[in-house]
Amino acid sequence: MNILNQELIQEILRLTWRNPIFMAIAIALIWLIPQLLIRKIMSKKYEERKIEIQQNKIQKLYPKNLK
């Protein structure tokens, strides 16, 4: 039973971790997923900052306190 388990484990390792295509996909996913998350966060912050700057410029043109 133990020999069968060792053989099964070795076969699984050969088919997955030692497979170049699987490793290329795994490395690509490990690299791309954080980039996509960071890009989404940075884009959201950029849009918020852009709206804030636009509101500040409008506020300077049309102040609420008219004397």
PDB file of N, CA and C in Angstrom:
ATOM      1  N   MET A   1       0.822  -1.201   0.000  1.00  0.00           N
ATOM      2  CA  MET A   1       0.000   0.000   0.000  1.00  0.00           C
ATOM      3  C   MET A   1       0.867   1.267   0.000  1.00  0.00           C
ATOM      4  N   ASN A   2       1.932   1.245   0.785  1.00  0.00           N
ATOM      5  CA  ASN A   2       2.820   2.392   0.876  1.00  0.00           C
ATOM      6  C   ASN A   2       3.550   2.618  -0.448  1.00  0.00           C
ATOM      7  N   ILE A   3       3.938   1.513  -1.115  1.00  0.00           N
ATOM      8  CA  ILE A   3       4.618   1.626  -2.407  1.00  0.00           C
ATOM      9  C   ILE A   3       3.689   2.246  -3.436  1.00  0.00           C
ATOM     10  N   LEU A   4       2.426   1.857  -3.400  1.00  0.00           N
ATOM     11  CA  LEU A   4       1.437   2.408  -4.324  1.00  0.00           C
ATOM     12  C   LEU A   4       1.281   3.907  -4.088  1.00  0.00           C
ATOM     13  N   ASN A   5       1.269   4.316  -2.836  1.00  0.00           N
ATOM     14  CA  ASN A   5       1.156   5.740  -2.521  1.00  0.00           C
ATOM     15  C   ASN A   5       2.364   6.515  -3.027  1.00  0.00           C
ATOM     16  N   GLN A   6       3.563   5.971  -2.859  1.00  0.00           N
ATOM     17  CA  GLN A   6       4.775   6.639  -3.322  1.00  0.00           C
ATOM     18  C   GLN A   6       4.772   6.760  -4.850  1.00  0.00           C
ATOM     19  N   GLU A   7       4.350   5.699  -5.513  1.00  0.00           N
ATOM     20  CA  GLU A   7       4.288   5.732  -6.972  1.00  0.00           C
ATOM     21  C   GLU A   7       3.258   6.756  -7.445  1.00  0.00           C
ATOM     22  N   LEU A   8       2.136   6.807  -6.771  1.00  0.00           N
ATOM     23  CA  LEU A   8       1.086   7.757  -7.125  1.00  0.00           C
ATOM     24  C   LEU A   8       1.564   9.192  -6.911  1.00  0.00           C
ATOM     25  N   ILE A   9       2.242   9.425  -5.818  1.00  0.00           N
ATOM     26  CA  ILE A   9       2.773  10.762  -5.533  1.00  0.00           C
ATOM     27  C   ILE A   9       3.801  11.156  -6.591  1.00  0.00           C
ATOM     28  N   GLN A  10       4.676  10.237  -6.957  1.00  0.00           N
ATOM     29  CA  GLN A  10       5.684  10.529  -7.976  1.00  0.00           C
ATOM     30  C   GLN A  10       5.033  10.819  -9.327  1.00  0.00           C
ATOM     31  N   GLU A  11       3.986  10.080  -9.658  1.00  0.00           N
ATOM     32  CA  GLU A  11       3.292  10.307 -10.930  1.00  0.00           C
ATOM     33  C   GLU A  11       2.595  11.665 -10.939  1.00  0.00           C
ATOM     34  N   ILE A  12       1.982  12.036  -9.834  1.00  0.00           N
ATOM     35  CA  ILE A  12       1.329  13.346  -9.739  1.00  0.00           C
ATOM     36  C   ILE A  12       2.361  14.461  -9.875  1.00  0.00           C
ATOM     37  N   LEU A  13       3.510  14.317  -9.207  1.00  0.00           N
ATOM     38  CA  LEU A  13       4.576  15.316  -9.327  1.00  0.00           C
ATOM     39  C   LEU A  13       5.087  15.411 -10.760  1.00  0.00           C
ATOM     40  N   ARG A  14       5.237  14.274 -11.419  1.00  0.00           N
ATOM     41  CA  ARG A  14       5.727  14.280 -12.789  1.00  0.00           C
ATOM     42  C   ARG A  14       4.739  14.965 -13.731  1.00  0.00           C
ATOM     43  N   LEU A  15       3.453  14.753 -13.494  1.00  0.00           N
ATOM     44  CA  LEU A  15       2.440  15.317 -14.381  1.00  0.00           C
ATOM     45  C   LEU A  15       2.170  16.796 -14.121  1.00  0.00           C
ATOM     46  N   THR A  16       2.477  17.278 -12.921  1.00  0.00           N
ATOM     47  CA  THR A  16       2.153  18.678 -12.603  1.00  0.00           C
ATOM     48  C   THR A  16       3.401  19.530 -12.448  1.00  0.00           C
ATOM     49  N   TRP A  17       4.105  19.383 -11.350  1.00  0.00           N
ATOM     50  CA  TRP A  17       5.207  20.293 -11.022  1.00  0.00           C
ATOM     51  C   TRP A  17       6.361  20.208 -11.995  1.00  0.00           C
ATOM     52  N   ARG A  18       6.589  19.057 -12.560  1.00  0.00           N
ATOM     53  CA  ARG A  18       7.722  18.916 -13.481  1.00  0.00           C
ATOM     54  C   ARG A  18       7.301  19.139 -14.933  1.00  0.00           C
ATOM     55  N   ASN A  19       6.072  19.512 -15.145  1.00  0.00           N
ATOM     56  CA  ASN A  19       5.569  19.775 -16.489  1.00  0.00           C
ATOM     57  C   ASN A  19       5.866  21.240 -16.833  1.00  0.00           C
ATOM     58  N   PRO A  20       6.617  21.499 -17.893  1.00  0.00           N
ATOM     59  CA  PRO A  20       6.998  22.883 -18.225  1.00  0.00           C
ATOM     60  C   PRO A  20       5.804  23.773 -18.557  1.00  0.00           C
ATOM     61  N   ILE A  21       4.798  23.217 -19.206  1.00  0.00           N
ATOM     62  CA  ILE A  21       3.622  24.017 -19.550  1.00  0.00           C
ATOM     63  C   ILE A  21       2.879  24.425 -18.288  1.00  0.00           C
ATOM     64  N   PHE A  22       2.692  23.487 -17.376  1.00  0.00           N
ATOM     65  CA  PHE A  22       2.017  23.795 -16.109  1.00  0.00           C
ATOM     66  C   PHE A  22       2.796  24.846 -15.330  1.00  0.00           C
ATOM     67  N   MET A  23       4.114  24.703 -15.285  1.00  0.00           N
ATOM     68  CA  MET A  23       4.927  25.664 -14.537  1.00  0.00           C
ATOM     69  C   MET A  23       4.880  27.042 -15.181  1.00  0.00           C
ATOM     70  N   ALA A  24       4.871  27.100 -16.507  1.00  0.00           N
ATOM     71  CA  ALA A  24       4.786  28.399 -17.186  1.00  0.00           C
ATOM     72  C   ALA A  24       3.465  29.083 -16.847  1.00  0.00           C
ATOM     73  N   ILE A  25       2.387  28.326 -16.864  1.00  0.00           N
ATOM     74  CA  ILE A  25       1.078  28.895 -16.522  1.00  0.00           C
ATOM     75  C   ILE A  25       1.044  29.325 -15.059  1.00  0.00           C
ATOM     76  N   ALA A  26       1.585  28.506 -14.171  1.00  0.00           N
ATOM     77  CA  ALA A  26       1.590  28.838 -12.742  1.00  0.00           C
ATOM     78  C   ALA A  26       2.392  30.109 -12.481  1.00  0.00           C
ATOM     79  N   ILE A  27       3.563  30.228 -13.078  1.00  0.00           N
ATOM     80  CA  ILE A  27       4.388  31.424 -12.888  1.00  0.00           C
ATOM     81  C   ILE A  27       3.699  32.647 -13.464  1.00  0.00           C
ATOM     82  N   ALA A  28       3.076  32.482 -14.629  1.00  0.00           N
ATOM     83  CA  ALA A  28       2.358  33.606 -15.234  1.00  0.00           C
ATOM     84  C   ALA A  28       1.214  34.068 -14.340  1.00  0.00           C
ATOM     85  N   LEU A  29       0.481  33.137 -13.768  1.00  0.00           N
ATOM     86  CA  LEU A  29      -0.626  33.518 -12.879  1.00  0.00           C
ATOM     87  C   LEU A  29      -0.112  34.190 -11.611  1.00  0.00           C
ATOM     88  N   ILE A  30       0.966  33.667 -11.058  1.00  0.00           N
ATOM     89  CA  ILE A  30       1.531  34.273  -9.847  1.00  0.00           C
ATOM     90  C   ILE A  30       2.005  35.689 -10.145  1.00  0.00           C
ATOM     91  N   TRP A  31       2.457  35.946 -11.347  1.00  0.00           N
ATOM     92  CA  TRP A  31       2.959  37.257 -11.725  1.00  0.00           C
ATOM     93  C   TRP A  31       1.811  38.193 -12.112  1.00  0.00           C
ATOM     94  N   LEU A  32       0.821  37.710 -12.843  1.00  0.00           N
ATOM     95  CA  LEU A  32      -0.216  38.572 -13.395  1.00  0.00           C
ATOM     96  C   LEU A  32      -1.307  38.954 -12.403  1.00  0.00           C
ATOM     97  N   ILE A  33      -1.704  38.059 -11.537  1.00  0.00           N
ATOM     98  CA  ILE A  33      -2.818  38.351 -10.617  1.00  0.00           C
ATOM     99  C   ILE A  33      -2.506  39.550  -9.723  1.00  0.00           C
ATOM    100  N   PRO A  34      -1.349  39.624  -9.061  1.00  0.00           N
ATOM    101  CA  PRO A  34      -1.063  40.830  -8.269  1.00  0.00           C
ATOM    102  C   PRO A  34      -0.998  42.103  -9.113  1.00  0.00           C
ATOM    103  N   GLN A  35      -0.466  41.993 -10.336  1.00  0.00           N
ATOM    104  CA  GLN A  35      -0.405  43.168 -11.206  1.00  0.00           C
ATOM    105  C   GLN A  35      -1.802  43.677 -11.527  1.00  0.00           C
ATOM    106  N   LEU A  36      -2.727  42.769 -11.793  1.00  0.00           N
ATOM    107  CA  LEU A  36      -4.094  43.175 -12.111  1.00  0.00           C
ATOM    108  C   LEU A  36      -4.758  43.833 -10.906  1.00  0.00           C
ATOM    109  N   LEU A  37      -4.526  43.280  -9.719  1.00  0.00           N
ATOM    110  CA  LEU A  37      -5.101  43.879  -8.510  1.00  0.00           C
ATOM    111  C   LEU A  37      -4.516  45.262  -8.243  1.00  0.00           C
ATOM    112  N   ILE A  38      -3.203  45.391  -8.368  1.00  0.00           N
ATOM    113  CA  ILE A  38      -2.555  46.683  -8.130  1.00  0.00           C
ATOM    114  C   ILE A  38      -3.017  47.699  -9.167  1.00  0.00           C
ATOM    115  N   ARG A  39      -3.133  47.282 -10.424  1.00  0.00           N
ATOM    116  CA  ARG A  39      -3.580  48.195 -11.477  1.00  0.00           C
ATOM    117  C   ARG A  39      -5.001  48.677 -11.204  1.00  0.00           C
ATOM    118  N   LYS A  40      -5.857  47.796 -10.719  1.00  0.00           N
ATOM    119  CA  LYS A  40      -7.236  48.181 -10.415  1.00  0.00           C
ATOM    120  C   LYS A  40      -7.270  49.203  -9.272  1.00  0.00           C
ATOM    121  N   ILE A  41      -6.489  48.968  -8.239  1.00  0.00           N
ATOM    122  CA  ILE A  41      -6.445  49.890  -7.099  1.00  0.00           C
ATOM    123  C   ILE A  41      -5.888  51.246  -7.524  1.00  0.00           C
ATOM    124  N   MET A  42      -4.800  51.227  -8.304  1.00  0.00           N
ATOM    125  CA  MET A  42      -4.190  52.478  -8.750  1.00  0.00           C
ATOM    126  C   MET A  42      -5.126  53.253  -9.677  1.00  0.00           C
ATOM    127  N   SER A  43      -5.851  52.552 -10.524  1.00  0.00           N
ATOM    128  CA  SER A  43      -6.793  53.202 -11.423  1.00  0.00           C
ATOM    129  C   SER A  43      -7.921  53.868 -10.642  1.00  0.00           C
ATOM    130  N   LYS A  44      -8.403  53.172  -9.619  1.00  0.00           N
ATOM    131  CA  LYS A  44      -9.469  53.735  -8.786  1.00  0.00           C
ATOM    132  C   LYS A  44      -8.985  54.991  -8.062  1.00  0.00           C
ATOM    133  N   LYS A  45      -7.782  54.939  -7.503  1.00  0.00           N
ATOM    134  CA  LYS A  45      -7.229  56.109  -6.816  1.00  0.00           C
ATOM    135  C   LYS A  45      -7.015  57.261  -7.784  1.00  0.00           C
ATOM    136  N   TYR A  46      -6.554  56.951  -9.007  1.00  0.00           N
ATOM    137  CA  TYR A  46      -6.329  57.978 -10.016  1.00  0.00           C
ATOM    138  C   TYR A  46      -7.638  58.672 -10.374  1.00  0.00           C
ATOM    139  N   GLU A  47      -8.698  57.900 -10.568  1.00  0.00           N
ATOM    140  CA  GLU A  47      -9.994  58.485 -10.915  1.00  0.00           C
ATOM    141  C   GLU A  47     -10.540  59.349  -9.780  1.00  0.00           C
ATOM    142  N   GLU A  48     -10.394  58.875  -8.548  1.00  0.00           N
ATOM    143  CA  GLU A  48     -10.854  59.662  -7.398  1.00  0.00           C
ATOM    144  C   GLU A  48     -10.072  60.972  -7.296  1.00  0.00           C
ATOM    145  N   ARG A  49      -8.771  60.891  -7.483  1.00  0.00           N
ATOM    146  CA  ARG A  49      -7.926  62.097  -7.405  1.00  0.00           C
ATOM    147  C   ARG A  49      -8.262  63.058  -8.550  1.00  0.00           C
ATOM    148  N   LYS A  50      -8.535  62.533  -9.725  1.00  0.00           N
ATOM    149  CA  LYS A  50      -8.896  63.355 -10.870  1.00  0.00           C
ATOM    150  C   LYS A  50     -10.203  64.107 -10.601  1.00  0.00           C
ATOM    151  N   ILE A  51     -11.186  63.431 -10.028  1.00  0.00           N
ATOM    152  CA  ILE A  51     -12.464  64.080  -9.695  1.00  0.00           C
ATOM    153  C   ILE A  51     -12.258  65.142  -8.619  1.00  0.00           C
ATOM    154  N   GLU A  52     -11.408  64.846  -7.642  1.00  0.00           N
ATOM    155  CA  GLU A  52     -11.132  65.806  -6.567  1.00  0.00           C
ATOM    156  C   GLU A  52     -10.471  67.067  -7.126  1.00  0.00           C
ATOM    157  N   ILE A  53      -9.502  66.906  -8.012  1.00  0.00           N
ATOM    158  CA  ILE A  53      -8.828  68.056  -8.624  1.00  0.00           C
ATOM    159  C   ILE A  53      -9.828  68.869  -9.445  1.00  0.00           C
ATOM    160  N   GLN A  54     -10.676  68.186 -10.177  1.00  0.00           N
ATOM    161  CA  GLN A  54     -11.687  68.873 -10.980  1.00  0.00           C
ATOM    162  C   GLN A  54     -12.638  69.668 -10.090  1.00  0.00           C
ATOM    163  N   GLN A  55     -13.050  69.084  -8.980  1.00  0.00           N
ATOM    164  CA  GLN A  55     -13.939  69.796  -8.057  1.00  0.00           C
ATOM    165  C   GLN A  55     -13.249  71.006  -7.443  1.00  0.00           C
ATOM    166  N   ASN A  56     -11.973  70.890  -7.149  1.00  0.00           N
ATOM    167  CA  ASN A  56     -11.228  72.029  -6.601  1.00  0.00           C
ATOM    168  C   ASN A  56     -11.136  73.162  -7.614  1.00  0.00           C
ATOM    169  N   LYS A  57     -10.907  72.832  -8.876  1.00  0.00           N
ATOM    170  CA  LYS A  57     -10.831  73.856  -9.908  1.00  0.00           C
ATOM    171  C   LYS A  57     -12.179  74.550 -10.090  1.00  0.00           C
ATOM    172  N   ILE A  58     -13.257  73.787 -10.063  1.00  0.00           N
ATOM    173  CA  ILE A  58     -14.599  74.371 -10.178  1.00  0.00           C
ATOM    174  C   ILE A  58     -14.881  75.262  -8.980  1.00  0.00           C
ATOM    175  N   GLN A  59     -14.464  74.813  -7.792  1.00  0.00           N
ATOM    176  CA  GLN A  59     -14.676  75.589  -6.575  1.00  0.00           C
ATOM    177  C   GLN A  59     -13.946  76.934  -6.645  1.00  0.00           C
ATOM    178  N   LYS A  60     -12.763  76.959  -7.251  1.00  0.00           N
ATOM    179  CA  LYS A  60     -12.030  78.216  -7.391  1.00  0.00           C
ATOM    180  C   LYS A  60     -12.720  79.166  -8.365  1.00  0.00           C
ATOM    181  N   LEU A  61     -13.320  78.607  -9.422  1.00  0.00           N
ATOM    182  CA  LEU A  61     -13.997  79.438 -10.393  1.00  0.00           C
ATOM    183  C   LEU A  61     -15.320  80.000  -9.863  1.00  0.00           C
ATOM    184  N   TYR A  62     -16.035  79.186  -9.112  1.00  0.00           N
ATOM    185  CA  TYR A  62     -17.345  79.574  -8.591  1.00  0.00           C
ATOM    186  C   TYR A  62     -17.378  79.393  -7.072  1.00  0.00           C
ATOM    187  N   PRO A  63     -16.808  80.330  -6.350  1.00  0.00           N
ATOM    188  CA  PRO A  63     -16.804  80.189  -4.886  1.00  0.00           C
ATOM    189  C   PRO A  63     -18.216  80.341  -4.318  1.00  0.00           C
ATOM    190  N   LYS A  64     -18.451  79.670  -3.208  1.00  0.00           N
ATOM    191  CA  LYS A  64     -19.763  79.720  -2.568  1.00  0.00           C
ATOM    192  C   LYS A  64     -19.972  81.028  -1.825  1.00  0.00           C
ATOM    193  N   ASN A  65     -18.930  81.559  -1.284  1.00  0.00           N
ATOM    194  CA  ASN A  65     -19.037  82.808  -0.527  1.00  0.00           C
ATOM    195  C   ASN A  65     -18.826  84.009  -1.431  1.00  0.00           C
ATOM    196  N   LEU A  66     -19.895  84.558  -1.933  1.00  0.00           N
ATOM    197  CA  LEU A  66     -19.807  85.770  -2.761  1.00  0.00           C
ATOM    198  C   LEU A  66     -19.976  86.975  -1.871  1.00  0.00           C
ATOM    199  N   LYS A  67     -19.089  87.946  -1.978  1.00  0.00           N
ATOM    200  CA  LYS A  67     -19.148  89.111  -1.114  1.00  0.00           C
ATOM    201  C   LYS A  67     -19.798  90.270  -1.825  1.00  0.00           C
TER     202      LYS A  67
END
